[in-house]
Amino acid sequence: MINRIINKLKRMYFNHLSPKAKAEYLRGKVYHMGKNVQLFTNGIGTEPYLISIGDNVNVAAGVSFINHDVSIFNIGRLVDPDAEQPLDKVGSIMLDDNCMVGAQSILMPGCSVGKNSVIAAGSVVTKAVPDNEVWGGGYPQSLL
């Protein structure tokens, strides 16, 4: 019960920090946190140690970092409940230098956003986005 109260207080504290202060708060919790990062989101995910964020990155409000896709695990239990090695989907998320992730986007396990790239609001990123591109709705547009 005490741990639940402490965790609730930590979440409340985090939610009221400025975007730059959120990045500093998470510096020791994520795998890598670059310089001049702004996090407007409150949902950093359940495995922050699998997240790497480069320099000059902006993450808009409502962005979800999903490092562990529990739906695969649940399907595996239904398909073969006696499996010695259950199905699971866990992966890192990497945001490279100078990228921006738009509001309400979802970053799935194993994805990355390349240098100088932009993810449009409401996107679901499931794979590697190359450098210098704008992605939204699955249609990449080169910035060059």
C-alpha atoms as a PDB file:
ATOM      1  CA  MET A   1       0.000   0.000   0.000  1.00  0.00           C
ATOM      2  CA  ILE A   2       2.815   2.440   0.857  1.00  0.00           C
ATOM      3  CA  ASN A   3       4.579   1.671  -2.446  1.00  0.00           C
ATOM      4  CA  ARG A   4       1.393   2.428  -4.386  1.00  0.00           C
ATOM      5  CA  ILE A   5       1.095   5.793  -2.661  1.00  0.00           C
ATOM      6  CA  ILE A   6       4.768   6.597  -3.318  1.00  0.00           C
ATOM      7  CA  ASN A   7       4.428   5.632  -7.002  1.00  0.00           C
ATOM      8  CA  LYS A   8       1.294   7.765  -7.330  1.00  0.00           C
ATOM      9  CA  LEU A   9       3.120  10.755  -5.819  1.00  0.00           C
ATOM     10  CA  LYS A  10       6.070  10.228  -8.201  1.00  0.00           C
ATOM     11  CA  ARG A  11       3.693  10.168 -11.203  1.00  0.00           C
ATOM     12  CA  MET A  12       1.968  13.338 -10.006  1.00  0.00           C
ATOM     13  CA  TYR A  13       5.345  15.046  -9.554  1.00  0.00           C
ATOM     14  CA  PHE A  14       6.546  13.926 -13.016  1.00  0.00           C
ATOM     15  CA  ASN A  15       3.330  15.067 -14.723  1.00  0.00           C
ATOM     16  CA  HIS A  16       3.810  18.628 -13.413  1.00  0.00           C
ATOM     17  CA  LEU A  17       7.444  19.023 -14.494  1.00  0.00           C
ATOM     18  CA  SER A  18       8.434  21.205 -17.448  1.00  0.00           C
ATOM     19  CA  PRO A  19       9.388  19.356 -20.684  1.00  0.00           C
ATOM     20  CA  LYS A  20      13.123  19.864 -20.047  1.00  0.00           C
ATOM     21  CA  ALA A  21      12.807  18.895 -16.371  1.00  0.00           C
ATOM     22  CA  LYS A  22      11.065  15.631 -17.399  1.00  0.00           C
ATOM     23  CA  ALA A  23      14.070  14.745 -19.562  1.00  0.00           C
ATOM     24  CA  GLU A  24      16.449  15.477 -16.686  1.00  0.00           C
ATOM     25  CA  TYR A  25      14.308  13.437 -14.273  1.00  0.00           C
ATOM     26  CA  LEU A  26      14.517  10.447 -16.640  1.00  0.00           C
ATOM     27  CA  ARG A  27      18.256  10.801 -17.364  1.00  0.00           C
ATOM     28  CA  GLY A  28      19.259   7.971 -15.003  1.00  0.00           C
ATOM     29  CA  LYS A  29      16.269   5.793 -15.880  1.00  0.00           C
ATOM     30  CA  VAL A  30      16.537   5.578 -19.687  1.00  0.00           C
ATOM     31  CA  TYR A  31      19.419   3.919 -21.553  1.00  0.00           C
ATOM     32  CA  HIS A  32      20.590   7.233 -23.023  1.00  0.00           C
ATOM     33  CA  MET A  33      19.290  10.788 -22.701  1.00  0.00           C
ATOM     34  CA  GLY A  34      20.866  13.401 -24.952  1.00  0.00           C
ATOM     35  CA  LYS A  35      21.206  17.147 -24.487  1.00  0.00           C
ATOM     36  CA  ASN A  36      18.416  19.671 -25.061  1.00  0.00           C
ATOM     37  CA  VAL A  37      15.585  17.108 -24.942  1.00  0.00           C
ATOM     38  CA  GLN A  38      11.990  18.201 -24.359  1.00  0.00           C
ATOM     39  CA  LEU A  39       9.385  15.637 -23.286  1.00  0.00           C
ATOM     40  CA  PHE A  40       5.841  16.967 -23.306  1.00  0.00           C
ATOM     41  CA  THR A  41       4.458  13.442 -22.809  1.00  0.00           C
ATOM     42  CA  ASN A  42       3.707  11.753 -19.498  1.00  0.00           C
ATOM     43  CA  GLY A  43       3.825   8.146 -20.827  1.00  0.00           C
ATOM     44  CA  ILE A  44       7.418   6.969 -20.920  1.00  0.00           C
ATOM     45  CA  GLY A  45       6.551   3.258 -20.777  1.00  0.00           C
ATOM     46  CA  THR A  46       7.147   0.361 -18.433  1.00  0.00           C
ATOM     47  CA  GLU A  47      10.752  -0.354 -19.474  1.00  0.00           C
ATOM     48  CA  PRO A  48      12.501   3.034 -19.692  1.00  0.00           C
ATOM     49  CA  TYR A  49      15.905   1.312 -19.695  1.00  0.00           C
ATOM     50  CA  LEU A  50      15.108   0.213 -23.283  1.00  0.00           C
ATOM     51  CA  ILE A  51      14.703   3.807 -24.497  1.00  0.00           C
ATOM     52  CA  SER A  52      17.490   5.855 -26.088  1.00  0.00           C
ATOM     53  CA  ILE A  53      16.958   9.540 -26.882  1.00  0.00           C
ATOM     54  CA  GLY A  54      19.527  11.625 -28.787  1.00  0.00           C
ATOM     55  CA  ASP A  55      20.294  15.346 -28.696  1.00  0.00           C
ATOM     56  CA  ASN A  56      17.740  18.063 -29.579  1.00  0.00           C
ATOM     57  CA  VAL A  57      14.733  15.728 -29.551  1.00  0.00           C
ATOM     58  CA  ASN A  58      11.144  16.911 -28.996  1.00  0.00           C
ATOM     59  CA  VAL A  59       8.419  14.466 -27.975  1.00  0.00           C
ATOM     60  CA  ALA A  60       4.918  15.984 -28.033  1.00  0.00           C
ATOM     61  CA  ALA A  61       2.080  15.413 -25.579  1.00  0.00           C
ATOM     62  CA  GLY A  62       0.383  12.042 -25.460  1.00  0.00           C
ATOM     63  CA  VAL A  63       3.188  10.056 -27.107  1.00  0.00           C
ATOM     64  CA  SER A  64       3.288   6.444 -25.855  1.00  0.00           C
ATOM     65  CA  PHE A  65       6.511   4.460 -25.587  1.00  0.00           C
ATOM     66  CA  ILE A  66       5.548   0.752 -25.795  1.00  0.00           C
ATOM     67  CA  ASN A  67       8.571  -1.463 -25.135  1.00  0.00           C
ATOM     68  CA  HIS A  68       6.634  -4.575 -24.236  1.00  0.00           C
ATOM     69  CA  ASP A  69       3.668  -5.706 -26.340  1.00  0.00           C
ATOM     70  CA  VAL A  70       1.690  -7.876 -23.920  1.00  0.00           C
ATOM     71  CA  SER A  71      -0.855  -8.849 -26.602  1.00  0.00           C
ATOM     72  CA  ILE A  72       1.715 -11.214 -28.205  1.00  0.00           C
ATOM     73  CA  PHE A  73       2.323 -12.861 -24.820  1.00  0.00           C
ATOM     74  CA  ASN A  74      -1.430 -13.325 -24.268  1.00  0.00           C
ATOM     75  CA  ILE A  75      -1.952 -14.820 -27.743  1.00  0.00           C
ATOM     76  CA  GLY A  76       0.961 -17.208 -27.132  1.00  0.00           C
ATOM     77  CA  ARG A  77      -0.646 -18.405 -23.902  1.00  0.00           C
ATOM     78  CA  LEU A  78      -3.873 -19.140 -25.774  1.00  0.00           C
ATOM     79  CA  VAL A  79      -2.141 -20.956 -28.644  1.00  0.00           C
ATOM     80  CA  ASP A  80       0.178 -23.084 -26.496  1.00  0.00           C
ATOM     81  CA  PRO A  81      -0.440 -22.722 -22.747  1.00  0.00           C
ATOM     82  CA  ASP A  82       2.223 -25.350 -21.935  1.00  0.00           C
ATOM     83  CA  ALA A  83       5.055 -23.784 -23.961  1.00  0.00           C
ATOM     84  CA  GLU A  84       8.409 -23.743 -22.196  1.00  0.00           C
ATOM     85  CA  GLN A  85       9.369 -20.478 -23.919  1.00  0.00           C
ATOM     86  CA  PRO A  86       6.248 -18.273 -24.246  1.00  0.00           C
ATOM     87  CA  LEU A  87       5.901 -15.860 -27.157  1.00  0.00           C
ATOM     88  CA  ASP A  88       6.814 -12.335 -26.239  1.00  0.00           C
ATOM     89  CA  LYS A  89       7.585  -9.037 -27.978  1.00  0.00           C
ATOM     90  CA  VAL A  90      10.037  -6.780 -26.172  1.00  0.00           C
ATOM     91  CA  GLY A  91      12.235  -4.235 -27.910  1.00  0.00           C
ATOM     92  CA  SER A  92      14.097  -0.998 -27.604  1.00  0.00           C
ATOM     93  CA  ILE A  93      13.017   2.393 -28.914  1.00  0.00           C
ATOM     94  CA  MET A  94      15.618   4.786 -30.294  1.00  0.00           C
ATOM     95  CA  LEU A  95      15.059   8.448 -31.123  1.00  0.00           C
ATOM     96  CA  ASP A  96      18.117   9.825 -32.915  1.00  0.00           C
ATOM     97  CA  ASP A  97      19.414  13.405 -32.886  1.00  0.00           C
ATOM     98  CA  ASN A  98      17.201  16.303 -34.005  1.00  0.00           C
ATOM     99  CA  CYS A  99      14.005  14.270 -34.436  1.00  0.00           C
ATOM    100  CA  MET A 100      10.469  15.194 -33.432  1.00  0.00           C
ATOM    101  CA  VAL A 101       7.550  12.915 -32.535  1.00  0.00           C
ATOM    102  CA  GLY A 102       4.069  14.402 -32.945  1.00  0.00           C
ATOM    103  CA  ALA A 103       1.235  14.329 -30.420  1.00  0.00           C
ATOM    104  CA  GLN A 104      -0.596  11.085 -29.645  1.00  0.00           C
ATOM    105  CA  SER A 105       1.886   8.948 -31.604  1.00  0.00           C
ATOM    106  CA  ILE A 106       2.693   5.393 -30.504  1.00  0.00           C
ATOM    107  CA  LEU A 107       6.243   4.042 -30.597  1.00  0.00           C
ATOM    108  CA  MET A 108       6.191   0.237 -30.672  1.00  0.00           C
ATOM    109  CA  PRO A 109       8.912  -2.245 -29.598  1.00  0.00           C
ATOM    110  CA  GLY A 110      11.960  -2.339 -31.863  1.00  0.00           C
ATOM    111  CA  CYS A 111      11.328   0.947 -33.685  1.00  0.00           C
ATOM    112  CA  SER A 112      13.658   3.863 -34.277  1.00  0.00           C
ATOM    113  CA  VAL A 113      13.404   7.397 -35.635  1.00  0.00           C
ATOM    114  CA  GLY A 114      16.402   8.591 -37.647  1.00  0.00           C
ATOM    115  CA  LYS A 115      18.316  11.851 -37.452  1.00  0.00           C
ATOM    116  CA  ASN A 116      16.396  14.975 -38.512  1.00  0.00           C
ATOM    117  CA  SER A 117      13.173  12.987 -39.009  1.00  0.00           C
ATOM    118  CA  VAL A 118       9.641  13.953 -38.040  1.00  0.00           C
ATOM    119  CA  ILE A 119       6.798  11.649 -37.016  1.00  0.00           C
ATOM    120  CA  ALA A 120       3.390  13.210 -37.675  1.00  0.00           C
ATOM    121  CA  ALA A 121       0.785  13.392 -34.935  1.00  0.00           C
ATOM    122  CA  GLY A 122      -1.232  10.229 -34.380  1.00  0.00           C
ATOM    123  CA  SER A 123       1.266   7.922 -36.088  1.00  0.00           C
ATOM    124  CA  VAL A 124       2.082   4.365 -35.044  1.00  0.00           C
ATOM    125  CA  VAL A 125       5.779   3.640 -35.560  1.00  0.00           C
ATOM    126  CA  THR A 126       6.569  -0.073 -35.889  1.00  0.00           C
ATOM    127  CA  LYS A 127       9.940  -0.083 -37.683  1.00  0.00           C
ATOM    128  CA  ALA A 128      13.010   2.011 -38.458  1.00  0.00           C
ATOM    129  CA  VAL A 129      12.309   5.470 -39.865  1.00  0.00           C
ATOM    130  CA  PRO A 130      15.322   6.584 -41.970  1.00  0.00           C
ATOM    131  CA  ASP A 131      17.204   9.842 -41.492  1.00  0.00           C
ATOM    132  CA  ASN A 132      15.786  13.080 -42.969  1.00  0.00           C
ATOM    133  CA  GLU A 133      12.216  11.905 -43.537  1.00  0.00           C
ATOM    134  CA  VAL A 134       8.723  12.897 -42.462  1.00  0.00           C
ATOM    135  CA  TRP A 135       6.415   9.965 -41.714  1.00  0.00           C
ATOM    136  CA  GLY A 136       2.718  10.004 -41.067  1.00  0.00           C
ATOM    137  CA  GLY A 137       0.026   7.629 -42.179  1.00  0.00           C
ATOM    138  CA  GLY A 138       2.670   5.343 -43.672  1.00  0.00           C
ATOM    139  CA  TYR A 139       3.703   7.692 -46.506  1.00  0.00           C
ATOM    140  CA  PRO A 140       7.331   8.900 -46.095  1.00  0.00           C
ATOM    141  CA  GLN A 141       8.351  12.223 -47.593  1.00  0.00           C
ATOM    142  CA  SER A 142      12.018  13.140 -47.871  1.00  0.00           C
ATOM    143  CA  LEU A 143      13.143  16.414 -46.278  1.00  0.00           C
ATOM    144  CA  LEU A 144      15.878  16.873 -48.885  1.00  0.00           C
END
